[in-house]
């Protein structure tokens, strides 16, 4: 306890972000002393089985402790637990409440997750305008997945006026932030503009980071193309699919 009290904020941050197995004793001690960041870290370790046995029920309890101190990230994790049934029964109404608290506190993941519930109509009445608003707030904080969904909303006119030019900008931002679906959508936009060399590179980036569905979508998108760079990329993606299967 005395050693923890003597640590600077930087030292404590390094400790909590370190190797789970090596830092477990310190993280548990800090959590028991009421350090919200340590409680959140311990909850994540228990949820994922990092450095100790997986225990969703205990993970939920530590998230609850951190959330009781107003930690926005812990509030988001409580929402995740209630949404997915991690340590507690699925309860979409409680998930919505916790996501909303996290979102109102400015947490990008809370905003993104609340937007998803509004978009799908899970735990709340479906409201695409609300979904778009929460995606936009999250995207403006640099959340890569939210950026991609803002792009989709603007492209399709979901909860907002259709604006293809702004949609393309958000896809680019999502792609540059490293999200594979944003990279795929950005590549599609570049291909439409006949910027095939750049499109090929972004399709390849998306294939490397994405899942099997993304790779199949890339192959489908490039099937009719006669451009040499895109054809080469299609074959590279085919090889990647073959190696992964």
C-alpha atoms as a PDB file:
ATOM      1  CA  UNK A   1       0.000   0.000   0.000  1.00  0.00           C
ATOM      2  CA  UNK A   2       2.771   2.458   0.932  1.00  0.00           C
ATOM      3  CA  UNK A   3       4.680   1.663  -2.262  1.00  0.00           C
ATOM      4  CA  UNK A   4       1.537   2.304  -4.318  1.00  0.00           C
ATOM      5  CA  UNK A   5       1.020   5.636  -2.598  1.00  0.00           C
ATOM      6  CA  UNK A   6       4.583   6.678  -3.418  1.00  0.00           C
ATOM      7  CA  UNK A   7       4.165   5.932  -7.141  1.00  0.00           C
ATOM      8  CA  UNK A   8       3.711   8.787  -9.591  1.00  0.00           C
ATOM      9  CA  UNK A   9       0.794   8.746 -12.055  1.00  0.00           C
ATOM     10  CA  UNK A  10       3.251   7.760 -14.789  1.00  0.00           C
ATOM     11  CA  UNK A  11       4.678   4.867 -12.783  1.00  0.00           C
ATOM     12  CA  UNK A  12       1.202   3.624 -11.914  1.00  0.00           C
ATOM     13  CA  UNK A  13       0.133   3.833 -15.562  1.00  0.00           C
ATOM     14  CA  UNK A  14       3.165   1.811 -16.687  1.00  0.00           C
ATOM     15  CA  UNK A  15       2.457  -0.755 -13.997  1.00  0.00           C
ATOM     16  CA  UNK A  16      -1.184  -1.191 -15.006  1.00  0.00           C
ATOM     17  CA  UNK A  17      -0.324  -1.387 -18.700  1.00  0.00           C
ATOM     18  CA  UNK A  18       2.472  -3.906 -18.207  1.00  0.00           C
ATOM     19  CA  UNK A  19       2.622  -7.660 -18.605  1.00  0.00           C
ATOM     20  CA  UNK A  20      -0.444  -9.117 -16.801  1.00  0.00           C
ATOM     21  CA  UNK A  21       1.358 -12.063 -15.213  1.00  0.00           C
ATOM     22  CA  UNK A  22       4.182  -9.919 -13.819  1.00  0.00           C
ATOM     23  CA  UNK A  23       1.953  -7.055 -12.693  1.00  0.00           C
ATOM     24  CA  UNK A  24      -0.918  -9.106 -11.252  1.00  0.00           C
ATOM     25  CA  UNK A  25       0.049  -8.689  -7.595  1.00  0.00           C
ATOM     26  CA  UNK A  26       0.375  -4.932  -7.953  1.00  0.00           C
ATOM     27  CA  UNK A  27      -2.802  -4.610 -10.003  1.00  0.00           C
ATOM     28  CA  UNK A  28      -4.804  -6.624  -7.482  1.00  0.00           C
ATOM     29  CA  UNK A  29      -3.385  -4.588  -4.582  1.00  0.00           C
ATOM     30  CA  UNK A  30      -4.192  -1.302  -6.318  1.00  0.00           C
ATOM     31  CA  UNK A  31      -7.697  -2.542  -7.154  1.00  0.00           C
ATOM     32  CA  UNK A  32      -8.317  -3.527  -3.536  1.00  0.00           C
ATOM     33  CA  UNK A  33      -7.103  -0.053  -2.490  1.00  0.00           C
ATOM     34  CA  UNK A  34      -9.795   1.536  -4.652  1.00  0.00           C
ATOM     35  CA  UNK A  35      -7.788   2.625  -7.700  1.00  0.00           C
ATOM     36  CA  UNK A  36     -10.409   2.677 -10.461  1.00  0.00           C
ATOM     37  CA  UNK A  37      -7.871   2.153 -13.262  1.00  0.00           C
ATOM     38  CA  UNK A  38      -6.563  -0.959 -11.506  1.00  0.00           C
ATOM     39  CA  UNK A  39     -10.086  -2.255 -10.926  1.00  0.00           C
ATOM     40  CA  UNK A  40     -10.819  -1.824 -14.617  1.00  0.00           C
ATOM     41  CA  UNK A  41      -7.540  -3.532 -15.587  1.00  0.00           C
ATOM     42  CA  UNK A  42      -8.183  -6.449 -13.229  1.00  0.00           C
ATOM     43  CA  UNK A  43     -11.698  -6.811 -14.635  1.00  0.00           C
ATOM     44  CA  UNK A  44     -10.333  -6.999 -18.176  1.00  0.00           C
ATOM     45  CA  UNK A  45      -7.738  -9.566 -17.136  1.00  0.00           C
ATOM     46  CA  UNK A  46     -10.428 -11.731 -15.533  1.00  0.00           C
ATOM     47  CA  UNK A  47     -12.703 -11.340 -18.543  1.00  0.00           C
ATOM     48  CA  UNK A  48      -9.988 -12.398 -20.985  1.00  0.00           C
ATOM     49  CA  UNK A  49      -8.104 -14.861 -18.770  1.00  0.00           C
ATOM     50  CA  UNK A  50      -4.882 -12.832 -18.895  1.00  0.00           C
ATOM     51  CA  UNK A  51      -2.418 -13.851 -16.173  1.00  0.00           C
ATOM     52  CA  UNK A  52      -5.119 -15.624 -14.155  1.00  0.00           C
ATOM     53  CA  UNK A  53      -8.122 -17.893 -14.653  1.00  0.00           C
ATOM     54  CA  UNK A  54     -11.011 -16.460 -16.661  1.00  0.00           C
ATOM     55  CA  UNK A  55     -13.888 -15.434 -14.373  1.00  0.00           C
ATOM     56  CA  UNK A  56     -16.644 -13.357 -15.966  1.00  0.00           C
ATOM     57  CA  UNK A  57     -18.614 -12.999 -12.729  1.00  0.00           C
ATOM     58  CA  UNK A  58     -15.655 -11.579 -10.828  1.00  0.00           C
ATOM     59  CA  UNK A  59     -14.722  -9.409 -13.823  1.00  0.00           C
ATOM     60  CA  UNK A  60     -18.180  -7.868 -13.720  1.00  0.00           C
ATOM     61  CA  UNK A  61     -17.798  -7.106 -10.019  1.00  0.00           C
ATOM     62  CA  UNK A  62     -14.527  -5.243 -10.591  1.00  0.00           C
ATOM     63  CA  UNK A  63     -16.040  -3.283 -13.487  1.00  0.00           C
ATOM     64  CA  UNK A  64     -18.893  -2.388 -11.151  1.00  0.00           C
ATOM     65  CA  UNK A  65     -16.446  -1.153  -8.510  1.00  0.00           C
ATOM     66  CA  UNK A  66     -14.644   1.067 -11.031  1.00  0.00           C
ATOM     67  CA  UNK A  67     -17.931   2.309 -12.468  1.00  0.00           C
ATOM     68  CA  UNK A  68     -19.138   3.294  -9.000  1.00  0.00           C
ATOM     69  CA  UNK A  69     -16.293   5.815  -9.028  1.00  0.00           C
ATOM     70  CA  UNK A  70     -17.616   7.285 -12.264  1.00  0.00           C
ATOM     71  CA  UNK A  71     -15.006   5.750 -14.562  1.00  0.00           C
ATOM     72  CA  UNK A  72     -16.460   6.118 -18.127  1.00  0.00           C
ATOM     73  CA  UNK A  73     -14.552   3.138 -19.505  1.00  0.00           C
ATOM     74  CA  UNK A  74     -15.816   0.919 -16.682  1.00  0.00           C
ATOM     75  CA  UNK A  75     -19.372   2.097 -17.364  1.00  0.00           C
ATOM     76  CA  UNK A  76     -18.897   1.042 -20.971  1.00  0.00           C
ATOM     77  CA  UNK A  77     -17.628  -2.371 -19.845  1.00  0.00           C
ATOM     78  CA  UNK A  78     -20.682  -2.821 -17.630  1.00  0.00           C
ATOM     79  CA  UNK A  79     -22.739  -2.165 -20.733  1.00  0.00           C
ATOM     80  CA  UNK A  80     -20.747  -4.769 -22.634  1.00  0.00           C
ATOM     81  CA  UNK A  81     -21.318  -7.313 -19.861  1.00  0.00           C
ATOM     82  CA  UNK A  82     -25.071  -6.706 -19.823  1.00  0.00           C
ATOM     83  CA  UNK A  83     -25.253  -6.753 -23.620  1.00  0.00           C
ATOM     84  CA  UNK A  84     -23.289  -9.980 -24.049  1.00  0.00           C
ATOM     85  CA  UNK A  85     -24.152 -11.831 -20.835  1.00  0.00           C
ATOM     86  CA  UNK A  86     -20.633 -11.716 -19.422  1.00  0.00           C
ATOM     87  CA  UNK A  87     -20.988 -12.608 -15.727  1.00  0.00           C
ATOM     88  CA  UNK A  88     -24.628 -11.492 -15.654  1.00  0.00           C
ATOM     89  CA  UNK A  89     -27.790 -12.338 -17.617  1.00  0.00           C
ATOM     90  CA  UNK A  90     -28.278 -10.428 -20.865  1.00  0.00           C
ATOM     91  CA  UNK A  91     -30.182  -7.221 -20.122  1.00  0.00           C
ATOM     92  CA  UNK A  92     -30.275  -4.756 -22.988  1.00  0.00           C
ATOM     93  CA  UNK A  93     -32.043  -2.079 -20.949  1.00  0.00           C
ATOM     94  CA  UNK A  94     -29.229  -2.036 -18.402  1.00  0.00           C
ATOM     95  CA  UNK A  95     -26.690  -2.159 -21.230  1.00  0.00           C
ATOM     96  CA  UNK A  96     -28.317   0.939 -22.702  1.00  0.00           C
ATOM     97  CA  UNK A  97     -28.252   2.753 -19.363  1.00  0.00           C
ATOM     98  CA  UNK A  98     -24.547   2.074 -18.822  1.00  0.00           C
ATOM     99  CA  UNK A  99     -23.594   2.915 -22.401  1.00  0.00           C
ATOM    100  CA  UNK A 100     -25.540   6.166 -22.098  1.00  0.00           C
ATOM    101  CA  UNK A 101     -23.727   7.086 -18.873  1.00  0.00           C
ATOM    102  CA  UNK A 102     -20.386   6.313 -20.500  1.00  0.00           C
ATOM    103  CA  UNK A 103     -21.342   8.182 -23.666  1.00  0.00           C
ATOM    104  CA  UNK A 104     -22.543  11.253 -21.793  1.00  0.00           C
ATOM    105  CA  UNK A 105     -19.218  11.257 -19.953  1.00  0.00           C
ATOM    106  CA  UNK A 106     -17.502  11.546 -23.334  1.00  0.00           C
ATOM    107  CA  UNK A 107     -16.174   7.999 -23.748  1.00  0.00           C
ATOM    108  CA  UNK A 108     -15.801   7.127 -27.456  1.00  0.00           C
ATOM    109  CA  UNK A 109     -16.553   3.408 -27.054  1.00  0.00           C
ATOM    110  CA  UNK A 110     -19.630   4.158 -24.965  1.00  0.00           C
ATOM    111  CA  UNK A 111     -20.853   6.498 -27.697  1.00  0.00           C
ATOM    112  CA  UNK A 112     -20.142   3.935 -30.403  1.00  0.00           C
ATOM    113  CA  UNK A 113     -21.872   1.109 -28.528  1.00  0.00           C
ATOM    114  CA  UNK A 114     -24.899   3.251 -27.729  1.00  0.00           C
ATOM    115  CA  UNK A 115     -25.080   4.162 -31.414  1.00  0.00           C
ATOM    116  CA  UNK A 116     -25.129   0.464 -32.302  1.00  0.00           C
ATOM    117  CA  UNK A 117     -28.082  -0.191 -29.999  1.00  0.00           C
ATOM    118  CA  UNK A 118     -30.024   2.678 -31.566  1.00  0.00           C
ATOM    119  CA  UNK A 119     -29.108   1.514 -35.058  1.00  0.00           C
ATOM    120  CA  UNK A 120     -30.259  -2.072 -34.432  1.00  0.00           C
ATOM    121  CA  UNK A 121     -33.173  -1.203 -32.128  1.00  0.00           C
ATOM    122  CA  UNK A 122     -31.846  -3.382 -29.308  1.00  0.00           C
ATOM    123  CA  UNK A 123     -32.842  -2.245 -25.806  1.00  0.00           C
ATOM    124  CA  UNK A 124     -34.228   0.978 -27.300  1.00  0.00           C
ATOM    125  CA  UNK A 125     -36.615   1.955 -30.064  1.00  0.00           C
ATOM    126  CA  UNK A 126     -34.746   1.947 -33.353  1.00  0.00           C
ATOM    127  CA  UNK A 127     -33.685   5.498 -34.176  1.00  0.00           C
ATOM    128  CA  UNK A 128     -31.226   6.009 -37.018  1.00  0.00           C
ATOM    129  CA  UNK A 129     -30.902   9.711 -36.315  1.00  0.00           C
ATOM    130  CA  UNK A 130     -29.822   9.006 -32.727  1.00  0.00           C
ATOM    131  CA  UNK A 131     -27.479   6.295 -33.981  1.00  0.00           C
ATOM    132  CA  UNK A 132     -25.865   8.714 -36.430  1.00  0.00           C
ATOM    133  CA  UNK A 133     -25.484  11.401 -33.756  1.00  0.00           C
ATOM    134  CA  UNK A 134     -23.692   9.027 -31.384  1.00  0.00           C
ATOM    135  CA  UNK A 135     -21.511   7.594 -34.134  1.00  0.00           C
ATOM    136  CA  UNK A 136     -20.538  11.125 -35.115  1.00  0.00           C
ATOM    137  CA  UNK A 137     -19.619  12.102 -31.557  1.00  0.00           C
ATOM    138  CA  UNK A 138     -17.446   9.005 -31.271  1.00  0.00           C
ATOM    139  CA  UNK A 139     -15.905   9.523 -34.709  1.00  0.00           C
ATOM    140  CA  UNK A 140     -14.966  13.086 -33.866  1.00  0.00           C
ATOM    141  CA  UNK A 141     -12.803  11.647 -31.077  1.00  0.00           C
ATOM    142  CA  UNK A 142     -10.929   9.458 -33.576  1.00  0.00           C
ATOM    143  CA  UNK A 143     -12.819   6.182 -33.106  1.00  0.00           C
ATOM    144  CA  UNK A 144     -11.994   4.262 -36.296  1.00  0.00           C
ATOM    145  CA  UNK A 145     -15.080   2.027 -36.345  1.00  0.00           C
ATOM    146  CA  UNK A 146     -17.377   4.953 -35.703  1.00  0.00           C
ATOM    147  CA  UNK A 147     -15.716   6.870 -38.541  1.00  0.00           C
ATOM    148  CA  UNK A 148     -16.572   4.052 -40.924  1.00  0.00           C
ATOM    149  CA  UNK A 149     -20.186   3.958 -39.772  1.00  0.00           C
ATOM    150  CA  UNK A 150     -20.541   7.722 -40.104  1.00  0.00           C
ATOM    151  CA  UNK A 151     -19.380   7.185 -43.665  1.00  0.00           C
ATOM    152  CA  UNK A 152     -21.997   4.470 -44.229  1.00  0.00           C
ATOM    153  CA  UNK A 153     -24.748   6.629 -42.785  1.00  0.00           C
ATOM    154  CA  UNK A 154     -23.768   9.544 -45.004  1.00  0.00           C
ATOM    155  CA  UNK A 155     -23.516   7.301 -48.048  1.00  0.00           C
ATOM    156  CA  UNK A 156     -26.878   5.625 -47.486  1.00  0.00           C
ATOM    157  CA  UNK A 157     -28.751   8.511 -45.867  1.00  0.00           C
ATOM    158  CA  UNK A 158     -29.287   6.587 -42.631  1.00  0.00           C
ATOM    159  CA  UNK A 159     -30.410   9.092 -39.982  1.00  0.00           C
ATOM    160  CA  UNK A 160     -29.016  12.009 -41.984  1.00  0.00           C
ATOM    161  CA  UNK A 161     -29.050  13.545 -45.440  1.00  0.00           C
ATOM    162  CA  UNK A 162     -27.074  11.581 -48.005  1.00  0.00           C
ATOM    163  CA  UNK A 163     -23.692  13.174 -48.680  1.00  0.00           C
ATOM    164  CA  UNK A 164     -21.343  10.969 -50.746  1.00  0.00           C
ATOM    165  CA  UNK A 165     -18.454  13.454 -50.610  1.00  0.00           C
ATOM    166  CA  UNK A 166     -18.469  13.603 -46.808  1.00  0.00           C
ATOM    167  CA  UNK A 167     -18.934   9.821 -46.675  1.00  0.00           C
ATOM    168  CA  UNK A 168     -15.756   9.390 -48.725  1.00  0.00           C
ATOM    169  CA  UNK A 169     -13.846  11.648 -46.330  1.00  0.00           C
ATOM    170  CA  UNK A 170     -14.939   9.606 -43.312  1.00  0.00           C
ATOM    171  CA  UNK A 171     -14.023   6.334 -45.036  1.00  0.00           C
ATOM    172  CA  UNK A 172     -10.567   7.751 -45.675  1.00  0.00           C
ATOM    173  CA  UNK A 173     -10.216   8.781 -42.023  1.00  0.00           C
ATOM    174  CA  UNK A 174     -11.296   5.324 -40.860  1.00  0.00           C
ATOM    175  CA  UNK A 175      -8.894   3.667 -43.290  1.00  0.00           C
ATOM    176  CA  UNK A 176      -5.980   5.814 -42.174  1.00  0.00           C
ATOM    177  CA  UNK A 177      -6.847   5.005 -38.550  1.00  0.00           C
ATOM    178  CA  UNK A 178      -6.324   1.305 -39.367  1.00  0.00           C
ATOM    179  CA  UNK A 179      -9.859  -0.126 -39.501  1.00  0.00           C
ATOM    180  CA  UNK A 180     -10.183  -2.793 -42.189  1.00  0.00           C
ATOM    181  CA  UNK A 181     -13.814  -2.062 -43.074  1.00  0.00           C
ATOM    182  CA  UNK A 182     -12.954   1.603 -43.484  1.00  0.00           C
ATOM    183  CA  UNK A 183     -10.031   0.541 -45.670  1.00  0.00           C
ATOM    184  CA  UNK A 184     -12.345  -1.583 -47.822  1.00  0.00           C
ATOM    185  CA  UNK A 185     -14.862   1.230 -48.250  1.00  0.00           C
ATOM    186  CA  UNK A 186     -12.105   3.741 -48.973  1.00  0.00           C
ATOM    187  CA  UNK A 187     -10.699   1.389 -51.617  1.00  0.00           C
ATOM    188  CA  UNK A 188     -14.132   1.087 -53.235  1.00  0.00           C
ATOM    189  CA  UNK A 189     -14.333   4.884 -53.428  1.00  0.00           C
ATOM    190  CA  UNK A 190     -10.875   5.109 -54.979  1.00  0.00           C
ATOM    191  CA  UNK A 191     -11.753   2.433 -57.518  1.00  0.00           C
ATOM    192  CA  UNK A 192     -14.865   4.382 -58.499  1.00  0.00           C
ATOM    193  CA  UNK A 193     -12.632   7.390 -59.116  1.00  0.00           C
ATOM    194  CA  UNK A 194     -10.310   5.183 -61.204  1.00  0.00           C
ATOM    195  CA  UNK A 195      -7.427   5.679 -58.775  1.00  0.00           C
ATOM    196  CA  UNK A 196      -6.678   2.007 -59.127  1.00  0.00           C
ATOM    197  CA  UNK A 197      -3.123   1.855 -57.807  1.00  0.00           C
ATOM    198  CA  UNK A 198      -4.131   3.499 -54.530  1.00  0.00           C
ATOM    199  CA  UNK A 199      -7.287   1.368 -54.367  1.00  0.00           C
ATOM    200  CA  UNK A 200      -5.212  -1.794 -54.792  1.00  0.00           C
ATOM    201  CA  UNK A 201      -3.025  -0.906 -51.809  1.00  0.00           C
ATOM    202  CA  UNK A 202      -6.016  -0.184 -49.560  1.00  0.00           C
ATOM    203  CA  UNK A 203      -7.749  -3.417 -50.645  1.00  0.00           C
ATOM    204  CA  UNK A 204      -4.590  -5.300 -49.702  1.00  0.00           C
ATOM    205  CA  UNK A 205      -4.384  -3.540 -46.326  1.00  0.00           C
ATOM    206  CA  UNK A 206      -8.010  -4.481 -45.658  1.00  0.00           C
ATOM    207  CA  UNK A 207      -7.363  -8.094 -46.669  1.00  0.00           C
ATOM    208  CA  UNK A 208      -4.442  -8.406 -44.273  1.00  0.00           C
ATOM    209  CA  UNK A 209      -6.314  -6.931 -41.310  1.00  0.00           C
ATOM    210  CA  UNK A 210      -9.804  -8.178 -42.116  1.00  0.00           C
ATOM    211  CA  UNK A 211     -11.727 -11.403 -41.669  1.00  0.00           C
ATOM    212  CA  UNK A 212     -12.746 -14.054 -44.187  1.00  0.00           C
ATOM    213  CA  UNK A 213     -15.922 -12.195 -45.155  1.00  0.00           C
ATOM    214  CA  UNK A 214     -13.906  -9.064 -45.950  1.00  0.00           C
ATOM    215  CA  UNK A 215     -11.489 -11.026 -48.133  1.00  0.00           C
ATOM    216  CA  UNK A 216     -14.357 -12.620 -50.052  1.00  0.00           C
ATOM    217  CA  UNK A 217     -15.938  -9.186 -50.515  1.00  0.00           C
ATOM    218  CA  UNK A 218     -12.658  -7.866 -51.931  1.00  0.00           C
ATOM    219  CA  UNK A 219     -12.424 -10.728 -54.423  1.00  0.00           C
ATOM    220  CA  UNK A 220     -16.031 -10.123 -55.490  1.00  0.00           C
ATOM    221  CA  UNK A 221     -15.462  -6.376 -55.856  1.00  0.00           C
ATOM    222  CA  UNK A 222     -12.418  -6.971 -58.076  1.00  0.00           C
ATOM    223  CA  UNK A 223     -13.822  -9.790 -60.191  1.00  0.00           C
ATOM    224  CA  UNK A 224     -14.946  -7.559 -63.068  1.00  0.00           C
ATOM    225  CA  UNK A 225     -11.922  -5.270 -63.013  1.00  0.00           C
ATOM    226  CA  UNK A 226      -9.441  -5.393 -65.902  1.00  0.00           C
ATOM    227  CA  UNK A 227      -6.933  -3.077 -64.203  1.00  0.00           C
ATOM    228  CA  UNK A 228      -3.567  -4.780 -63.757  1.00  0.00           C
ATOM    229  CA  UNK A 229      -2.919  -3.531 -60.211  1.00  0.00           C
ATOM    230  CA  UNK A 230      -6.372  -4.611 -59.044  1.00  0.00           C
ATOM    231  CA  UNK A 231      -6.054  -7.992 -60.768  1.00  0.00           C
ATOM    232  CA  UNK A 232      -2.746  -8.642 -59.011  1.00  0.00           C
ATOM    233  CA  UNK A 233      -4.317  -7.661 -55.687  1.00  0.00           C
ATOM    234  CA  UNK A 234      -7.270  -9.984 -56.292  1.00  0.00           C
ATOM    235  CA  UNK A 235      -4.897 -12.917 -56.842  1.00  0.00           C
ATOM    236  CA  UNK A 236      -2.894 -12.012 -53.736  1.00  0.00           C
ATOM    237  CA  UNK A 237      -6.115 -11.993 -51.712  1.00  0.00           C
ATOM    238  CA  UNK A 238      -7.092 -15.375 -53.190  1.00  0.00           C
ATOM    239  CA  UNK A 239      -3.754 -16.769 -52.026  1.00  0.00           C
ATOM    240  CA  UNK A 240      -4.323 -15.296 -48.576  1.00  0.00           C
ATOM    241  CA  UNK A 241      -7.745 -16.978 -48.404  1.00  0.00           C
ATOM    242  CA  UNK A 242      -6.226 -20.298 -49.469  1.00  0.00           C
ATOM    243  CA  UNK A 243      -3.517 -20.115 -46.814  1.00  0.00           C
ATOM    244  CA  UNK A 244      -6.072 -19.215 -44.132  1.00  0.00           C
ATOM    245  CA  UNK A 245      -8.506 -22.027 -44.920  1.00  0.00           C
END
